[in-house]
N, C-alpha and C. Protein backbone atom coordinates (compact mmCIF):
# COMPACT_ATOMS: atom_id res chain seq x y z
N UNK A 1 107.33 106.70 127.02
CA UNK A 1 107.56 105.48 125.97
C UNK A 1 107.38 106.02 124.72
N UNK A 2 108.15 105.71 123.80
CA UNK A 2 108.21 106.01 122.40
C UNK A 2 107.32 105.13 121.26
N UNK A 3 107.41 103.94 121.85
CA UNK A 3 106.60 102.89 121.10
C UNK A 3 106.25 101.78 121.97
N UNK A 4 105.44 100.88 121.40
CA UNK A 4 104.94 99.50 122.00
C UNK A 4 105.01 98.53 121.05
N UNK A 5 105.67 97.32 121.23
CA UNK A 5 105.66 96.15 120.50
C UNK A 5 104.94 95.01 121.11
N UNK A 6 103.95 94.59 120.69
CA UNK A 6 103.23 93.30 121.12
C UNK A 6 102.73 92.39 120.28
N UNK A 7 102.55 91.16 120.51
CA UNK A 7 101.84 90.10 119.91
C UNK A 7 100.23 90.38 120.09
N UNK A 8 99.67 90.56 118.93
CA UNK A 8 98.05 90.97 118.90
C UNK A 8 97.38 89.88 119.70
N UNK A 9 96.30 90.12 120.28
CA UNK A 9 95.50 89.33 121.04
C UNK A 9 95.09 88.05 120.34
N UNK A 10 94.87 88.12 119.00
CA UNK A 10 94.54 87.08 118.09
C UNK A 10 95.74 86.24 117.89
N UNK A 11 96.82 86.70 118.00
CA UNK A 11 98.14 86.07 117.81
C UNK A 11 98.44 85.80 116.30
N UNK A 12 97.86 86.59 115.65
CA UNK A 12 98.28 86.36 114.08
C UNK A 12 98.89 87.47 113.38
N UNK A 13 99.33 88.66 114.33
CA UNK A 13 100.01 89.70 113.71
C UNK A 13 100.89 90.35 114.89
N UNK A 14 101.88 91.06 114.51
CA UNK A 14 102.66 91.88 115.42
C UNK A 14 102.12 93.29 115.43
N UNK A 15 101.75 93.86 116.62
CA UNK A 15 101.36 95.31 116.65
C UNK A 15 102.39 95.98 116.96
N UNK A 16 102.72 97.11 116.28
CA UNK A 16 103.63 98.12 116.77
C UNK A 16 102.92 99.56 116.86
N UNK A 17 102.96 100.08 117.94
CA UNK A 17 102.32 101.59 118.29
C UNK A 17 103.44 102.49 118.22
N UNK A 18 103.48 103.56 117.59
CA UNK A 18 104.40 104.51 117.74
C UNK A 18 103.70 105.74 118.28
N UNK A 19 104.37 106.38 119.25
CA UNK A 19 103.68 107.56 120.01
C UNK A 19 104.56 108.88 119.71
N UNK A 20 105.50 108.94 118.89
CA UNK A 20 106.01 110.19 118.59
C UNK A 20 106.37 110.09 117.01
N UNK A 21 106.77 111.21 116.49
CA UNK A 21 107.11 111.30 115.01
C UNK A 21 108.09 110.12 114.60
N UNK A 22 107.63 109.51 113.38
CA UNK A 22 108.42 108.62 112.92
C UNK A 22 109.64 108.85 112.25
N UNK A 23 110.84 108.30 112.65
CA UNK A 23 112.22 108.37 112.10
C UNK A 23 112.82 107.04 111.90
N UNK A 24 113.91 107.02 111.37
CA UNK A 24 114.70 105.77 111.20
C UNK A 24 115.23 105.23 112.36
N UNK A 25 115.54 106.29 113.29
CA UNK A 25 115.98 105.82 114.59
C UNK A 25 114.88 105.17 115.50
N UNK A 26 113.68 105.73 115.37
CA UNK A 26 112.62 104.98 116.12
C UNK A 26 112.35 103.51 115.57
N UNK A 27 112.62 103.44 114.13
CA UNK A 27 112.32 102.25 113.61
C UNK A 27 113.31 101.12 113.95
N UNK A 28 114.67 101.66 114.19
CA UNK A 28 115.64 100.73 114.51
C UNK A 28 115.61 100.32 115.93
N UNK A 29 114.95 101.18 116.63
CA UNK A 29 114.76 100.67 118.08
C UNK A 29 113.55 99.54 118.32
N UNK A 30 112.62 99.70 117.48
CA UNK A 30 111.47 98.77 117.67
C UNK A 30 111.70 97.56 116.86
N UNK A 31 112.42 97.65 115.83
CA UNK A 31 112.31 96.70 114.87
C UNK A 31 112.82 95.29 115.46
N UNK A 32 113.88 95.27 116.28
CA UNK A 32 114.48 94.03 116.77
C UNK A 32 113.36 93.15 117.50
N UNK A 33 112.76 93.92 118.37
CA UNK A 33 111.67 93.36 119.14
C UNK A 33 110.63 92.68 118.30
N UNK A 34 110.12 93.61 117.27
CA UNK A 34 109.10 93.19 116.48
C UNK A 34 109.39 91.88 115.64
N UNK A 35 110.81 91.91 115.02
CA UNK A 35 111.07 90.75 114.46
C UNK A 35 111.22 89.49 115.21
N UNK A 36 111.88 89.74 116.52
CA UNK A 36 112.03 88.55 117.50
C UNK A 36 110.78 87.99 117.66
N UNK A 37 109.68 88.79 118.05
CA UNK A 37 108.29 88.35 118.29
C UNK A 37 107.55 87.46 117.10
N UNK A 38 107.84 88.15 115.82
CA UNK A 38 107.33 87.56 114.75
C UNK A 38 107.95 86.11 114.45
N UNK A 39 109.33 86.13 114.54
CA UNK A 39 109.95 84.84 114.44
C UNK A 39 109.55 83.75 115.44
N UNK A 40 109.55 84.26 116.64
CA UNK A 40 109.31 83.38 117.86
C UNK A 40 107.77 82.66 117.68
N UNK A 41 106.85 83.41 117.03
CA UNK A 41 105.45 82.93 116.90
C UNK A 41 105.15 82.56 115.44
N UNK A 42 105.93 82.49 114.47
CA UNK A 42 105.90 82.02 113.19
C UNK A 42 104.91 83.15 112.51
N UNK A 43 105.07 84.31 112.71
CA UNK A 43 104.18 85.37 112.20
C UNK A 43 104.87 86.26 111.12
N UNK A 44 104.05 86.41 110.04
CA UNK A 44 104.77 87.55 108.99
C UNK A 44 103.98 88.71 108.73
N UNK A 45 102.84 88.85 109.64
CA UNK A 45 102.11 90.07 109.38
C UNK A 45 102.29 90.99 110.58
N UNK A 46 102.30 92.36 110.16
CA UNK A 46 102.60 93.63 111.00
C UNK A 46 101.50 94.49 110.87
N UNK A 47 101.00 95.08 111.86
CA UNK A 47 100.13 96.45 112.04
C UNK A 47 100.93 97.33 112.63
N UNK A 48 101.40 98.47 111.95
CA UNK A 48 102.00 99.59 112.34
C UNK A 48 100.98 100.75 112.61
N UNK A 49 100.64 101.04 113.93
CA UNK A 49 99.71 102.04 114.25
C UNK A 49 100.68 103.36 114.37
N UNK A 50 100.62 104.13 113.47
CA UNK A 50 101.11 105.36 113.40
C UNK A 50 100.53 106.49 113.52
N UNK A 51 99.14 106.47 113.87
CA UNK A 51 98.28 107.41 113.99
C UNK A 51 98.81 108.55 114.87
N UNK A 52 99.61 108.63 115.90
CA UNK A 52 100.24 109.44 116.60
C UNK A 52 101.69 109.97 116.26
N UNK A 53 102.07 109.44 114.97
CA UNK A 53 103.42 109.55 114.62
C UNK A 53 103.49 109.86 113.10
N UNK A 54 103.42 111.12 112.76
CA UNK A 54 103.61 111.51 111.46
C UNK A 54 105.11 111.27 111.04
N UNK A 55 105.45 111.00 109.81
CA UNK A 55 106.63 110.68 109.27
C UNK A 55 107.40 112.13 108.96
N UNK A 56 108.31 112.40 109.77
CA UNK A 56 109.06 113.73 109.71
C UNK A 56 110.25 113.53 108.92
N UNK A 57 110.67 112.31 108.19
CA UNK A 57 111.88 112.21 107.54
C UNK A 57 111.82 112.68 106.20
N UNK A 58 113.04 113.12 105.50
CA UNK A 58 112.90 113.60 104.20
C UNK A 58 112.71 112.26 103.16
N UNK A 59 112.43 112.72 101.98
CA UNK A 59 112.12 111.81 100.90
C UNK A 59 113.47 110.67 100.85
N UNK A 60 114.63 111.45 100.67
CA UNK A 60 115.81 110.66 100.64
C UNK A 60 116.11 109.81 101.83
N UNK A 61 115.82 110.31 102.98
CA UNK A 61 116.04 109.27 104.29
C UNK A 61 114.91 108.10 104.07
N UNK A 62 113.79 108.38 103.78
CA UNK A 62 112.76 107.40 103.63
C UNK A 62 113.01 106.26 102.61
N UNK A 63 113.70 106.77 101.51
CA UNK A 63 114.27 105.85 100.43
C UNK A 63 115.28 104.91 100.93
N UNK A 64 116.19 105.75 101.57
CA UNK A 64 117.52 104.80 102.08
C UNK A 64 117.13 103.89 103.20
N UNK A 65 116.00 104.30 103.94
CA UNK A 65 115.46 103.27 105.01
C UNK A 65 114.91 102.08 104.41
N UNK A 66 114.04 102.29 103.29
CA UNK A 66 113.38 101.08 102.68
C UNK A 66 114.20 100.29 101.85
N UNK A 67 115.24 101.01 101.17
CA UNK A 67 116.12 100.06 100.21
C UNK A 67 117.49 99.59 100.96
N UNK A 68 117.93 100.30 102.01
CA UNK A 68 119.17 99.96 102.59
C UNK A 68 119.04 99.40 103.99
N UNK A 69 118.43 100.13 104.79
CA UNK A 69 118.47 99.83 106.15
C UNK A 69 117.41 98.75 106.59
N UNK A 70 116.21 98.62 105.82
CA UNK A 70 115.44 97.29 106.18
C UNK A 70 116.24 96.03 105.91
N UNK A 71 116.80 95.92 104.93
CA UNK A 71 117.48 94.74 104.59
C UNK A 71 118.64 94.55 105.66
N UNK A 72 119.40 95.64 106.13
CA UNK A 72 120.30 95.48 107.13
C UNK A 72 119.89 95.24 108.62
N UNK A 73 118.55 95.61 108.98
CA UNK A 73 118.09 95.26 110.27
C UNK A 73 117.34 93.76 110.05
N UNK A 74 117.26 93.27 108.83
CA UNK A 74 116.84 91.92 108.44
C UNK A 74 115.24 91.70 108.88
N UNK A 75 114.62 92.97 108.25
CA UNK A 75 113.24 93.04 108.28
C UNK A 75 112.84 92.02 107.15
N UNK A 76 111.97 91.05 107.40
CA UNK A 76 111.59 89.92 106.42
C UNK A 76 111.05 90.49 105.10
N UNK A 77 111.46 90.36 104.07
CA UNK A 77 110.97 90.61 102.69
C UNK A 77 109.54 90.02 102.53
N UNK A 78 109.33 88.90 103.19
CA UNK A 78 108.12 88.25 103.03
C UNK A 78 107.14 88.68 103.96
N UNK A 79 107.29 89.86 104.63
CA UNK A 79 106.33 90.19 105.63
C UNK A 79 105.09 91.07 104.75
N UNK A 80 104.19 91.15 105.76
CA UNK A 80 102.96 91.84 105.10
C UNK A 80 102.61 92.90 106.24
N UNK A 81 102.64 94.25 105.83
CA UNK A 81 102.47 95.31 106.86
C UNK A 81 101.27 96.19 106.35
N UNK A 82 100.54 96.49 107.34
CA UNK A 82 99.41 97.52 107.09
C UNK A 82 99.92 98.54 108.11
N UNK A 83 99.75 99.82 107.44
CA UNK A 83 100.16 101.14 108.12
C UNK A 83 98.71 101.73 108.57
N UNK A 84 98.48 101.84 109.93
CA UNK A 84 97.32 102.73 110.38
C UNK A 84 97.53 103.97 110.55
N UNK A 85 97.08 104.96 109.68
CA UNK A 85 97.41 106.33 109.79
C UNK A 85 96.28 107.22 110.09
N UNK A 86 96.36 108.37 110.62
CA UNK A 86 95.50 109.36 110.69
C UNK A 86 94.84 109.81 109.58
N UNK A 87 93.62 110.11 109.56
CA UNK A 87 92.63 110.49 108.34
C UNK A 87 93.37 111.43 107.41
N UNK A 88 93.87 112.45 107.85
CA UNK A 88 94.41 113.37 107.04
C UNK A 88 96.00 113.62 106.92
N UNK A 89 96.53 112.43 107.33
CA UNK A 89 98.12 112.27 107.38
C UNK A 89 98.49 111.84 106.02
N UNK A 90 99.24 112.81 105.30
CA UNK A 90 99.79 112.47 103.92
C UNK A 90 101.29 112.08 104.25
N UNK A 91 101.91 112.11 105.25
CA UNK A 91 103.45 111.94 105.50
C UNK A 91 103.97 110.81 105.37
N UNK A 92 103.04 109.58 105.32
CA UNK A 92 103.52 108.18 105.17
C UNK A 92 103.36 107.85 103.83
N UNK A 93 102.77 108.55 102.94
CA UNK A 93 102.70 108.03 101.41
C UNK A 93 104.10 107.73 100.77
N UNK A 94 105.03 108.46 100.95
CA UNK A 94 106.26 108.24 100.25
C UNK A 94 106.88 106.83 100.83
N UNK A 95 106.96 106.65 101.94
CA UNK A 95 107.55 105.51 102.70
C UNK A 95 106.67 104.20 102.38
N UNK A 96 105.40 104.32 102.13
CA UNK A 96 104.64 103.22 101.57
C UNK A 96 105.01 102.85 100.12
N UNK A 97 105.31 104.00 99.45
CA UNK A 97 105.55 103.77 97.96
C UNK A 97 107.06 103.20 97.92
N UNK A 98 108.07 103.63 98.80
CA UNK A 98 109.32 103.04 98.98
C UNK A 98 109.30 101.65 99.36
N UNK A 99 108.54 101.33 100.29
CA UNK A 99 108.53 100.01 100.76
C UNK A 99 108.18 99.00 99.61
N UNK A 100 107.14 99.43 98.81
CA UNK A 100 106.52 98.65 97.72
C UNK A 100 107.64 98.50 96.63
N UNK A 101 108.41 99.60 96.41
CA UNK A 101 109.35 99.46 95.34
C UNK A 101 110.57 98.57 95.77
N UNK A 102 110.72 98.60 97.17
CA UNK A 102 111.83 97.73 97.69
C UNK A 102 111.41 96.20 97.77
N UNK A 103 110.19 95.93 97.40
CA UNK A 103 109.64 94.49 97.36
C UNK A 103 108.82 94.10 98.57
N UNK A 104 108.41 94.95 99.28
CA UNK A 104 107.57 94.63 100.57
C UNK A 104 106.22 94.86 100.14
N UNK A 105 105.32 93.93 100.78
CA UNK A 105 103.79 94.05 100.60
C UNK A 105 103.25 94.92 101.79
N UNK A 106 102.97 96.13 101.55
CA UNK A 106 102.43 97.11 102.37
C UNK A 106 101.28 97.86 101.98
N UNK A 107 100.32 98.21 102.86
CA UNK A 107 99.24 99.12 102.44
C UNK A 107 98.87 100.02 103.66
N UNK A 108 98.43 101.28 103.30
CA UNK A 108 97.98 102.31 104.40
C UNK A 108 96.35 102.20 104.44
N UNK A 109 95.91 102.45 105.84
CA UNK A 109 94.59 102.57 106.20
C UNK A 109 94.40 103.73 107.00
N UNK A 110 93.17 104.11 107.16
CA UNK A 110 92.80 104.99 108.18
C UNK A 110 91.92 104.49 109.05
N UNK A 111 91.32 103.26 108.76
CA UNK A 111 90.39 102.56 109.68
C UNK A 111 91.01 101.13 110.03
N UNK A 112 91.09 100.96 111.26
CA UNK A 112 91.62 99.82 112.03
C UNK A 112 90.97 98.56 111.40
N UNK A 113 89.78 98.45 111.45
CA UNK A 113 89.04 97.26 111.07
C UNK A 113 89.50 96.95 109.63
N UNK A 114 89.40 97.97 108.68
CA UNK A 114 89.98 97.75 107.36
C UNK A 114 91.22 97.18 107.19
N UNK A 115 92.24 97.69 108.06
CA UNK A 115 93.61 97.23 108.05
C UNK A 115 93.75 95.73 108.50
N UNK A 116 92.85 95.42 109.50
CA UNK A 116 92.93 94.09 109.87
C UNK A 116 92.27 93.12 108.99
N UNK A 117 91.18 93.49 108.46
CA UNK A 117 90.56 92.56 107.30
C UNK A 117 91.39 92.48 106.20
N UNK A 118 92.27 93.43 105.97
CA UNK A 118 93.42 93.15 104.64
C UNK A 118 94.31 92.37 105.04
N UNK A 119 94.75 92.41 106.30
CA UNK A 119 95.80 91.32 106.90
C UNK A 119 95.41 89.98 106.93
N UNK A 120 94.13 89.74 107.33
CA UNK A 120 93.52 88.46 107.62
C UNK A 120 93.38 87.73 106.16
N UNK A 121 93.40 88.48 105.10
CA UNK A 121 93.52 87.89 103.57
C UNK A 121 94.66 86.97 103.24
N UNK A 122 95.78 87.25 104.07
CA UNK A 122 97.06 86.66 103.89
C UNK A 122 97.25 85.52 105.07
């Protein structure tokens, strides 16, 4: 299994856990289920647990994903996303910046409780 998409136990965010290196292809595979679940439950918050999934794409591919592909897969611009990353993993820094520049509200965390506390503010 490359990823898991589920409604959080608290039912106030969608949890996406990725178990292999992050690429556009993986994102395109889990996005429809995540978006469907969010729409079905009236949720706009997402927790992306990528602690086991370093971002292996180039800067240009990350830029294209945030600015062109996210709108194509209809990932909601009103979404609020927390990235849960490993302590020393810097590979997600550019994609976070690209998401922000594309108009998405996103923030990275190394501690799950901090990510959840941030999501609860919205």
